Amino acid sequence: MTITKKENGKSFTLSVEGRLDTLTSPELEKEINELSASAEDLVVDFAKLEYISSAGLRVLLSAHKLFAKKGGMTITNVNETVLDIFEVTGFKDILTIR
């Protein structure tokens, strides 16, 4: 998994490429936790995400809770495979997906 970070003032975008699973989710969690101190809002770009596991979903739920107290978190460019996972798990109703 590769994570690319872009900063625009207090708004951050994390672009995630590859697989977000048990092995890679701690890396995304660490990145989000580091950003939470200074970021007001977060965009997570999944244009190049191939797969997400329950471990990845847990990280997104934690991030959603962190940023709900601030400017919010948005997930963008979700492919059909990942969107299906969000729908089946009910995450589509919890997360802001564009």
PDB file of N, CA and C in Angstrom:
ATOM      1  N   MET A   1       0.842  -1.173   0.000  1.00  0.00           N
ATOM      2  CA  MET A   1       0.000   0.000   0.000  1.00  0.00           C
ATOM      3  C   MET A   1       0.888   1.236   0.000  1.00  0.00           C
ATOM      4  N   THR A   2       0.466   2.224  -0.754  1.00  0.00           N
ATOM      5  CA  THR A   2       1.159   3.499  -0.813  1.00  0.00           C
ATOM      6  C   THR A   2       0.189   4.597  -0.396  1.00  0.00           C
ATOM      7  N   ILE A   3       0.651   5.512   0.457  1.00  0.00           N
ATOM      8  CA  ILE A   3      -0.165   6.642   0.888  1.00  0.00           C
ATOM      9  C   ILE A   3       0.541   7.918   0.465  1.00  0.00           C
ATOM     10  N   THR A   4      -0.192   8.772  -0.236  1.00  0.00           N
ATOM     11  CA  THR A   4       0.334  10.066  -0.646  1.00  0.00           C
ATOM     12  C   THR A   4      -0.456  11.144   0.086  1.00  0.00           C
ATOM     13  N   LYS A   5       0.246  12.080   0.708  1.00  0.00           N
ATOM     14  CA  LYS A   5      -0.390  13.119   1.508  1.00  0.00           C
ATOM     15  C   LYS A   5      -0.266  14.472   0.808  1.00  0.00           C
ATOM     16  N   LYS A   6      -1.390  15.197   0.732  1.00  0.00           N
ATOM     17  CA  LYS A   6      -1.391  16.567   0.215  1.00  0.00           C
ATOM     18  C   LYS A   6      -2.024  17.465   1.260  1.00  0.00           C
ATOM     19  N   GLU A   7      -1.405  18.626   1.440  1.00  0.00           N
ATOM     20  CA  GLU A   7      -1.882  19.569   2.447  1.00  0.00           C
ATOM     21  C   GLU A   7      -2.343  20.853   1.771  1.00  0.00           C
ATOM     22  N   ASN A   8      -3.478  21.363   2.227  1.00  0.00           N
ATOM     23  CA  ASN A   8      -3.996  22.644   1.761  1.00  0.00           C
ATOM     24  C   ASN A   8      -4.487  23.385   2.995  1.00  0.00           C
ATOM     25  N   GLY A   9      -3.580  24.107   3.649  1.00  0.00           N
ATOM     26  CA  GLY A   9      -3.918  24.756   4.907  1.00  0.00           C
ATOM     27  C   GLY A   9      -4.155  23.706   5.979  1.00  0.00           C
ATOM     28  N   LYS A  10      -5.362  23.705   6.537  1.00  0.00           N
ATOM     29  CA  LYS A  10      -5.713  22.721   7.565  1.00  0.00           C
ATOM     30  C   LYS A  10      -6.541  21.580   6.996  1.00  0.00           C
ATOM     31  N   SER A  11      -6.578  21.494   5.661  1.00  0.00           N
ATOM     32  CA  SER A  11      -7.277  20.406   4.981  1.00  0.00           C
ATOM     33  C   SER A  11      -6.243  19.461   4.374  1.00  0.00           C
ATOM     34  N   PHE A  12      -6.429  18.181   4.590  1.00  0.00           N
ATOM     35  CA  PHE A  12      -5.483  17.189   4.086  1.00  0.00           C
ATOM     36  C   PHE A  12      -6.199  16.171   3.216  1.00  0.00           C
ATOM     37  N   THR A  13      -5.483  15.688   2.195  1.00  0.00           N
ATOM     38  CA  THR A  13      -5.967  14.593   1.367  1.00  0.00           C
ATOM     39  C   THR A  13      -4.954  13.463   1.441  1.00  0.00           C
ATOM     40  N   LEU A  14      -5.460  12.276   1.741  1.00  0.00           N
ATOM     41  CA  LEU A  14      -4.626  11.071   1.720  1.00  0.00           C
ATOM     42  C   LEU A  14      -5.098  10.210   0.562  1.00  0.00           C
ATOM     43  N   SER A  15      -4.220   9.959  -0.391  1.00  0.00           N
ATOM     44  CA  SER A  15      -4.520   9.074  -1.511  1.00  0.00           C
ATOM     45  C   SER A  15      -3.941   7.704  -1.188  1.00  0.00           C
ATOM     46  N   VAL A  16      -4.806   6.702  -1.211  1.00  0.00           N
ATOM     47  CA  VAL A  16      -4.399   5.349  -0.818  1.00  0.00           C
ATOM     48  C   VAL A  16      -4.398   4.457  -2.054  1.00  0.00           C
ATOM     49  N   GLU A  17      -3.288   3.777  -2.272  1.00  0.00           N
ATOM     50  CA  GLU A  17      -3.133   2.908  -3.435  1.00  0.00           C
ATOM     51  C   GLU A  17      -2.781   1.493  -2.984  1.00  0.00           C
ATOM     52  N   GLY A  18      -3.457   0.509  -3.572  1.00  0.00           N
ATOM     53  CA  GLY A  18      -3.146  -0.891  -3.255  1.00  0.00           C
ATOM     54  C   GLY A  18      -4.237  -1.533  -2.430  1.00  0.00           C
ATOM     55  N   ARG A  19      -3.819  -2.281  -1.395  1.00  0.00           N
ATOM     56  CA  ARG A  19      -4.754  -3.026  -0.545  1.00  0.00           C
ATOM     57  C   ARG A  19      -4.713  -2.475   0.874  1.00  0.00           C
ATOM     58  N   LEU A  20      -5.871  -2.250   1.436  1.00  0.00           N
ATOM     59  CA  LEU A  20      -5.983  -1.795   2.819  1.00  0.00           C
ATOM     60  C   LEU A  20      -6.505  -2.982   3.627  1.00  0.00           C
ATOM     61  N   ASP A  21      -5.583  -3.680   4.280  1.00  0.00           N
ATOM     62  CA  ASP A  21      -5.942  -4.912   4.974  1.00  0.00           C
ATOM     63  C   ASP A  21      -5.237  -4.972   6.331  1.00  0.00           C
ATOM     64  N   THR A  22      -5.222  -6.141   6.925  1.00  0.00           N
ATOM     65  CA  THR A  22      -4.637  -6.329   8.257  1.00  0.00           C
ATOM     66  C   THR A  22      -3.180  -5.898   8.317  1.00  0.00           C
ATOM     67  N   LEU A  23      -2.436  -6.150   7.262  1.00  0.00           N
ATOM     68  CA  LEU A  23      -1.012  -5.808   7.248  1.00  0.00           C
ATOM     69  C   LEU A  23      -0.757  -4.326   7.032  1.00  0.00           C
ATOM     70  N   THR A  24      -1.612  -3.659   6.251  1.00  0.00           N
ATOM     71  CA  THR A  24      -1.342  -2.275   5.861  1.00  0.00           C
ATOM     72  C   THR A  24      -2.157  -1.235   6.639  1.00  0.00           C
ATOM     73  N   SER A  25      -3.245  -1.648   7.261  1.00  0.00           N
ATOM     74  CA  SER A  25      -4.106  -0.672   7.948  1.00  0.00           C
ATOM     75  C   SER A  25      -3.399   0.080   9.085  1.00  0.00           C
ATOM     76  N   PRO A  26      -2.458  -0.526   9.820  1.00  0.00           N
ATOM     77  CA  PRO A  26      -1.761   0.261  10.849  1.00  0.00           C
ATOM     78  C   PRO A  26      -1.023   1.477  10.276  1.00  0.00           C
ATOM     79  N   GLU A  27      -0.537   1.353   9.060  1.00  0.00           N
ATOM     80  CA  GLU A  27       0.163   2.481   8.417  1.00  0.00           C
ATOM     81  C   GLU A  27      -0.796   3.643   8.177  1.00  0.00           C
ATOM     82  N   LEU A  28      -1.996   3.347   7.667  1.00  0.00           N
ATOM     83  CA  LEU A  28      -2.994   4.404   7.444  1.00  0.00           C
ATOM     84  C   LEU A  28      -3.454   4.977   8.776  1.00  0.00           C
ATOM     85  N   GLU A  29      -3.653   4.128   9.757  1.00  0.00           N
ATOM     86  CA  GLU A  29      -4.086   4.591  11.083  1.00  0.00           C
ATOM     87  C   GLU A  29      -3.064   5.551  11.682  1.00  0.00           C
ATOM     88  N   LYS A  30      -1.795   5.218  11.553  1.00  0.00           N
ATOM     89  CA  LYS A  30      -0.720   6.086  12.064  1.00  0.00           C
ATOM     90  C   LYS A  30      -0.743   7.440  11.360  1.00  0.00           C
ATOM     91  N   GLU A  31      -0.886   7.426  10.045  1.00  0.00           N
ATOM     92  CA  GLU A  31      -0.917   8.658   9.262  1.00  0.00           C
ATOM     93  C   GLU A  31      -2.098   9.538   9.677  1.00  0.00           C
ATOM     94  N   ILE A  32      -3.263   8.934   9.842  1.00  0.00           N
ATOM     95  CA  ILE A  32      -4.469   9.685  10.237  1.00  0.00           C
ATOM     96  C   ILE A  32      -4.310  10.256  11.639  1.00  0.00           C
ATOM     97  N   ASN A  33      -3.795   9.462  12.559  1.00  0.00           N
ATOM     98  CA  ASN A  33      -3.606   9.948  13.931  1.00  0.00           C
ATOM     99  C   ASN A  33      -2.634  11.113  13.988  1.00  0.00           C
ATOM    100  N   GLU A  34      -1.582  11.067  13.195  1.00  0.00           N
ATOM    101  CA  GLU A  34      -0.629  12.179  13.145  1.00  0.00           C
ATOM    102  C   GLU A  34      -1.281  13.443  12.590  1.00  0.00           C
ATOM    103  N   LEU A  35      -2.128  13.286  11.580  1.00  0.00           N
ATOM    104  CA  LEU A  35      -2.804  14.434  10.974  1.00  0.00           C
ATOM    105  C   LEU A  35      -3.849  15.041  11.900  1.00  0.00           C
ATOM    106  N   SER A  36      -4.465  14.224  12.724  1.00  0.00           N
ATOM    107  CA  SER A  36      -5.598  14.692  13.521  1.00  0.00           C
ATOM    108  C   SER A  36      -5.243  15.844  14.456  1.00  0.00           C
ATOM    109  N   ALA A  37      -3.976  15.978  14.813  1.00  0.00           N
ATOM    110  CA  ALA A  37      -3.563  17.066  15.692  1.00  0.00           C
ATOM    111  C   ALA A  37      -3.673  18.433  15.019  1.00  0.00           C
ATOM    112  N   SER A  38      -3.408  18.486  13.713  1.00  0.00           N
ATOM    113  CA  SER A  38      -3.390  19.782  13.027  1.00  0.00           C
ATOM    114  C   SER A  38      -4.464  19.943  11.954  1.00  0.00           C
ATOM    115  N   ALA A  39      -5.009  18.853  11.469  1.00  0.00           N
ATOM    116  CA  ALA A  39      -5.981  18.927  10.370  1.00  0.00           C
ATOM    117  C   ALA A  39      -7.378  19.235  10.885  1.00  0.00           C
ATOM    118  N   GLU A  40      -8.097  20.063  10.142  1.00  0.00           N
ATOM    119  CA  GLU A  40      -9.503  20.344  10.444  1.00  0.00           C
ATOM    120  C   GLU A  40     -10.418  19.368   9.724  1.00  0.00           C
ATOM    121  N   ASP A  41     -10.042  19.020   8.502  1.00  0.00           N
ATOM    122  CA  ASP A  41     -10.841  18.046   7.748  1.00  0.00           C
ATOM    123  C   ASP A  41      -9.921  17.163   6.922  1.00  0.00           C
ATOM    124  N   LEU A  42     -10.482  16.017   6.532  1.00  0.00           N
ATOM    125  CA  LEU A  42      -9.686  15.006   5.843  1.00  0.00           C
ATOM    126  C   LEU A  42     -10.467  14.443   4.668  1.00  0.00           C
ATOM    127  N   VAL A  43      -9.776  14.331   3.533  1.00  0.00           N
ATOM    128  CA  VAL A  43     -10.316  13.648   2.361  1.00  0.00           C
ATOM    129  C   VAL A  43      -9.451  12.416   2.142  1.00  0.00           C
ATOM    130  N   VAL A  44     -10.097  11.263   1.995  1.00  0.00           N
ATOM    131  CA  VAL A  44      -9.376  10.031   1.712  1.00  0.00           C
ATOM    132  C   VAL A  44      -9.757   9.620   0.293  1.00  0.00           C
ATOM    133  N   ASP A  45      -8.783   9.638  -0.596  1.00  0.00           N
ATOM    134  CA  ASP A  45      -8.998   9.343  -2.014  1.00  0.00           C
ATOM    135  C   ASP A  45      -8.674   7.875  -2.276  1.00  0.00           C
ATOM    136  N   PHE A  46      -9.728   7.135  -2.697  1.00  0.00           N
ATOM    137  CA  PHE A  46      -9.574   5.703  -2.942  1.00  0.00           C
ATOM    138  C   PHE A  46      -9.542   5.373  -4.428  1.00  0.00           C
ATOM    139  N   ALA A  47      -9.135   6.307  -5.273  1.00  0.00           N
ATOM    140  CA  ALA A  47      -9.113   6.075  -6.720  1.00  0.00           C
ATOM    141  C   ALA A  47      -8.289   4.846  -7.087  1.00  0.00           C
ATOM    142  N   LYS A  48      -7.233   4.574  -6.339  1.00  0.00           N
ATOM    143  CA  LYS A  48      -6.344   3.453  -6.667  1.00  0.00           C
ATOM    144  C   LYS A  48      -6.376   2.353  -5.607  1.00  0.00           C
ATOM    145  N   LEU A  49      -7.417   2.366  -4.759  1.00  0.00           N
ATOM    146  CA  LEU A  49      -7.551   1.307  -3.766  1.00  0.00           C
ATOM    147  C   LEU A  49      -8.188   0.093  -4.413  1.00  0.00           C
ATOM    148  N   GLU A  50      -7.571  -1.057  -4.253  1.00  0.00           N
ATOM    149  CA  GLU A  50      -8.042  -2.295  -4.872  1.00  0.00           C
ATOM    150  C   GLU A  50      -8.946  -3.104  -3.950  1.00  0.00           C
ATOM    151  N   TYR A  51      -8.687  -3.034  -2.641  1.00  0.00           N
ATOM    152  CA  TYR A  51      -9.373  -3.913  -1.698  1.00  0.00           C
ATOM    153  C   TYR A  51      -9.345  -3.288  -0.308  1.00  0.00           C
ATOM    154  N   ILE A  52     -10.404  -3.521   0.465  1.00  0.00           N
ATOM    155  CA  ILE A  52     -10.413  -3.105   1.863  1.00  0.00           C
ATOM    156  C   ILE A  52     -10.965  -4.244   2.706  1.00  0.00           C
ATOM    157  N   SER A  53     -10.288  -4.532   3.818  1.00  0.00           N
ATOM    158  CA  SER A  53     -10.721  -5.601   4.723  1.00  0.00           C
ATOM    159  C   SER A  53     -11.399  -4.984   5.946  1.00  0.00           C
ATOM    160  N   SER A  54     -11.811  -5.828   6.861  1.00  0.00           N
ATOM    161  CA  SER A  54     -12.446  -5.338   8.093  1.00  0.00           C
ATOM    162  C   SER A  54     -11.475  -4.485   8.908  1.00  0.00           C
ATOM    163  N   ALA A  55     -10.198  -4.783   8.836  1.00  0.00           N
ATOM    164  CA  ALA A  55      -9.201  -3.967   9.539  1.00  0.00           C
ATOM    165  C   ALA A  55      -9.162  -2.556   8.956  1.00  0.00           C
ATOM    166  N   GLY A  56      -9.265  -2.451   7.654  1.00  0.00           N
ATOM    167  CA  GLY A  56      -9.319  -1.147   6.999  1.00  0.00           C
ATOM    168  C   GLY A  56     -10.592  -0.395   7.349  1.00  0.00           C
ATOM    169  N   LEU A  57     -11.696  -1.114   7.423  1.00  0.00           N
ATOM    170  CA  LEU A  57     -12.972  -0.493   7.805  1.00  0.00           C
ATOM    171  C   LEU A  57     -12.897   0.067   9.221  1.00  0.00           C
ATOM    172  N   ARG A  58     -12.237  -0.663  10.110  1.00  0.00           N
ATOM    173  CA  ARG A  58     -12.078  -0.197  11.485  1.00  0.00           C
ATOM    174  C   ARG A  58     -11.310   1.118  11.530  1.00  0.00           C
ATOM    175  N   VAL A  59     -10.256   1.222  10.731  1.00  0.00           N
ATOM    176  CA  VAL A  59      -9.467   2.454  10.674  1.00  0.00           C
ATOM    177  C   VAL A  59     -10.331   3.614  10.170  1.00  0.00           C
ATOM    178  N   LEU A  60     -11.148   3.358   9.152  1.00  0.00           N
ATOM    179  CA  LEU A  60     -12.024   4.413   8.628  1.00  0.00           C
ATOM    180  C   LEU A  60     -13.052   4.853   9.659  1.00  0.00           C
ATOM    181  N   LEU A  61     -13.602   3.913  10.405  1.00  0.00           N
ATOM    182  CA  LEU A  61     -14.584   4.253  11.426  1.00  0.00           C
ATOM    183  C   LEU A  61     -13.952   5.106  12.524  1.00  0.00           C
ATOM    184  N   SER A  62     -12.760   4.740  12.944  1.00  0.00           N
ATOM    185  CA  SER A  62     -12.035   5.528  13.953  1.00  0.00           C
ATOM    186  C   SER A  62     -11.740   6.937  13.440  1.00  0.00           C
ATOM    187  N   ALA A  63     -11.306   7.028  12.188  1.00  0.00           N
ATOM    188  CA  ALA A  63     -11.006   8.331  11.585  1.00  0.00           C
ATOM    189  C   ALA A  63     -12.270   9.167  11.468  1.00  0.00           C
ATOM    190  N   HIS A  64     -13.362   8.529  11.089  1.00  0.00           N
ATOM    191  CA  HIS A  64     -14.654   9.227  10.990  1.00  0.00           C
ATOM    192  C   HIS A  64     -15.023   9.842  12.335  1.00  0.00           C
ATOM    193  N   LYS A  65     -14.855   9.099  13.414  1.00  0.00           N
ATOM    194  CA  LYS A  65     -15.162   9.597  14.755  1.00  0.00           C
ATOM    195  C   LYS A  65     -14.238  10.750  15.145  1.00  0.00           C
ATOM    196  N   LEU A  66     -12.958  10.635  14.814  1.00  0.00           N
ATOM    197  CA  LEU A  66     -11.992  11.695  15.109  1.00  0.00           C
ATOM    198  C   LEU A  66     -12.363  13.003  14.412  1.00  0.00           C
ATOM    199  N   PHE A  67     -12.667  12.905  13.120  1.00  0.00           N
ATOM    200  CA  PHE A  67     -12.900  14.109  12.330  1.00  0.00           C
ATOM    201  C   PHE A  67     -14.341  14.606  12.396  1.00  0.00           C
ATOM    202  N   ALA A  68     -15.247  13.829  12.956  1.00  0.00           N
ATOM    203  CA  ALA A  68     -16.627  14.288  13.146  1.00  0.00           C
ATOM    204  C   ALA A  68     -16.658  15.445  14.138  1.00  0.00           C
ATOM    205  N   LYS A  69     -15.700  15.490  15.039  1.00  0.00           N
ATOM    206  CA  LYS A  69     -15.593  16.556  16.030  1.00  0.00           C
ATOM    207  C   LYS A  69     -14.992  17.819  15.430  1.00  0.00           C
ATOM    208  N   LYS A  70     -14.484  17.696  14.207  1.00  0.00           N
ATOM    209  CA  LYS A  70     -13.830  18.819  13.526  1.00  0.00           C
ATOM    210  C   LYS A  70     -14.618  19.159  12.271  1.00  0.00           C
ATOM    211  N   GLY A  71     -13.927  19.256  11.143  1.00  0.00           N
ATOM    212  CA  GLY A  71     -14.567  19.614   9.878  1.00  0.00           C
ATOM    213  C   GLY A  71     -15.124  18.434   9.101  1.00  0.00           C
ATOM    214  N   GLY A  72     -14.830  17.217   9.546  1.00  0.00           N
ATOM    215  CA  GLY A  72     -15.365  16.032   8.893  1.00  0.00           C
ATOM    216  C   GLY A  72     -14.357  15.292   8.041  1.00  0.00           C
ATOM    217  N   MET A  73     -14.767  14.117   7.588  1.00  0.00           N
ATOM    218  CA  MET A  73     -13.954  13.276   6.720  1.00  0.00           C
ATOM    219  C   MET A  73     -14.811  12.848   5.533  1.00  0.00           C
ATOM    220  N   THR A  74     -14.228  12.923   4.347  1.00  0.00           N
ATOM    221  CA  THR A  74     -14.906  12.522   3.119  1.00  0.00           C
ATOM    222  C   THR A  74     -14.055  11.488   2.402  1.00  0.00           C
ATOM    223  N   ILE A  75     -14.718  10.483   1.861  1.00  0.00           N
ATOM    224  CA  ILE A  75     -14.032   9.477   1.052  1.00  0.00           C
ATOM    225  C   ILE A  75     -14.444   9.689  -0.394  1.00  0.00           C
ATOM    226  N   THR A  76     -13.472   9.758  -1.291  1.00  0.00           N
ATOM    227  CA  THR A  76     -13.760  10.043  -2.699  1.00  0.00           C
ATOM    228  C   THR A  76     -13.226   8.937  -3.608  1.00  0.00           C
ATOM    229  N   ASN A  77     -13.737   8.931  -4.831  1.00  0.00           N
ATOM    230  CA  ASN A  77     -13.267   8.046  -5.904  1.00  0.00           C
ATOM    231  C   ASN A  77     -13.273   6.571  -5.520  1.00  0.00           C
ATOM    232  N   VAL A  78     -14.386   6.131  -4.970  1.00  0.00           N
ATOM    233  CA  VAL A  78     -14.506   4.737  -4.531  1.00  0.00           C
ATOM    234  C   VAL A  78     -14.925   3.871  -5.716  1.00  0.00           C
ATOM    235  N   ASN A  79     -14.167   2.807  -5.978  1.00  0.00           N
ATOM    236  CA  ASN A  79     -14.517   1.908  -7.083  1.00  0.00           C
ATOM    237  C   ASN A  79     -15.684   1.005  -6.673  1.00  0.00           C
ATOM    238  N   GLU A  80     -16.224   0.296  -7.624  1.00  0.00           N
ATOM    239  CA  GLU A  80     -17.410  -0.521  -7.402  1.00  0.00           C
ATOM    240  C   GLU A  80     -17.179  -1.633  -6.379  1.00  0.00           C
ATOM    241  N   THR A  81     -16.014  -2.256  -6.409  1.00  0.00           N
ATOM    242  CA  THR A  81     -15.700  -3.339  -5.473  1.00  0.00           C
ATOM    243  C   THR A  81     -15.723  -2.839  -4.031  1.00  0.00           C
ATOM    244  N   VAL A  82     -15.054  -1.722  -3.776  1.00  0.00           N
ATOM    245  CA  VAL A  82     -14.996  -1.165  -2.432  1.00  0.00           C
ATOM    246  C   VAL A  82     -16.365  -0.631  -2.029  1.00  0.00           C
ATOM    247  N   LEU A  83     -17.078  -0.008  -2.962  1.00  0.00           N
ATOM    248  CA  LEU A  83     -18.417   0.495  -2.670  1.00  0.00           C
ATOM    249  C   LEU A  83     -19.357  -0.642  -2.270  1.00  0.00           C
ATOM    250  N   ASP A  84     -19.223  -1.785  -2.918  1.00  0.00           N
ATOM    251  CA  ASP A  84     -20.022  -2.962  -2.540  1.00  0.00           C
ATOM    252  C   ASP A  84     -19.748  -3.370  -1.093  1.00  0.00           C
ATOM    253  N   ILE A  85     -18.489  -3.325  -0.693  1.00  0.00           N
ATOM    254  CA  ILE A  85     -18.127  -3.654   0.687  1.00  0.00           C
ATOM    255  C   ILE A  85     -18.751  -2.642   1.647  1.00  0.00           C
ATOM    256  N   PHE A  86     -18.707  -1.366   1.287  1.00  0.00           N
ATOM    257  CA  PHE A  86     -19.332  -0.331   2.120  1.00  0.00           C
ATOM    258  C   PHE A  86     -20.836  -0.559   2.245  1.00  0.00           C
ATOM    259  N   GLU A  87     -21.473  -0.967   1.163  1.00  0.00           N
ATOM    260  CA  GLU A  87     -22.913  -1.208   1.189  1.00  0.00           C
ATOM    261  C   GLU A  87     -23.277  -2.407   2.055  1.00  0.00           C
ATOM    262  N   VAL A  88     -22.569  -3.520   1.875  1.00  0.00           N
ATOM    263  CA  VAL A  88     -22.857  -4.752   2.614  1.00  0.00           C
ATOM    264  C   VAL A  88     -22.637  -4.563   4.118  1.00  0.00           C
ATOM    265  N   THR A  89     -21.626  -3.800   4.485  1.00  0.00           N
ATOM    266  CA  THR A  89     -21.290  -3.619   5.896  1.00  0.00           C
ATOM    267  C   THR A  89     -22.060  -2.470   6.548  1.00  0.00           C
ATOM    268  N   GLY A  90     -22.771  -1.677   5.752  1.00  0.00           N
ATOM    269  CA  GLY A  90     -23.506  -0.533   6.287  1.00  0.00           C
ATOM    270  C   GLY A  90     -22.677   0.727   6.406  1.00  0.00           C
ATOM    271  N   PHE A  91     -21.425   0.664   5.996  1.00  0.00           N
ATOM    272  CA  PHE A  91     -20.543   1.833   6.082  1.00  0.00           C
ATOM    273  C   PHE A  91     -20.974   2.943   5.125  1.00  0.00           C
ATOM    274  N   LYS A  92     -21.685   2.599   4.085  1.00  0.00           N
ATOM    275  CA  LYS A  92     -22.164   3.612   3.137  1.00  0.00           C
ATOM    276  C   LYS A  92     -23.094   4.606   3.841  1.00  0.00           C
ATOM    277  N   ASP A  93     -23.797   4.137   4.863  1.00  0.00           N
ATOM    278  CA  ASP A  93     -24.712   4.991   5.600  1.00  0.00           C
ATOM    279  C   ASP A  93     -24.019   5.786   6.711  1.00  0.00           C
ATOM    280  N   ILE A  94     -22.825   5.382   7.070  1.00  0.00           N
ATOM    281  CA  ILE A  94     -22.075   6.038   8.155  1.00  0.00           C
ATOM    282  C   ILE A  94     -21.100   7.088   7.611  1.00  0.00           C
ATOM    283  N   LEU A  95     -20.350   6.709   6.569  1.00  0.00           N
ATOM    284  CA  LEU A  95     -19.304   7.567   6.013  1.00  0.00           C
ATOM    285  C   LEU A  95     -19.851   8.527   4.982  1.00  0.00           C
ATOM    286  N   THR A  96     -19.166   9.632   4.796  1.00  0.00           N
ATOM    287  CA  THR A  96     -19.480  10.560   3.712  1.00  0.00           C
ATOM    288  C   THR A  96     -18.663  10.136   2.508  1.00  0.00           C
ATOM    289  N   ILE A  97     -19.369   9.642   1.478  1.00  0.00           N
ATOM    290  CA  ILE A  97     -18.700   9.110   0.280  1.00  0.00           C
ATOM    291  C   ILE A  97     -19.147   9.925  -0.920  1.00  0.00           C
ATOM    292  N   ARG A  98     -18.175  10.410  -1.674  1.00  0.00           N
ATOM    293  CA  ARG A  98     -18.479  11.195  -2.886  1.00  0.00           C
ATOM    294  C   ARG A  98     -17.780  10.602  -4.067  1.00  0.00           C
TER     295      ARG A  98
END
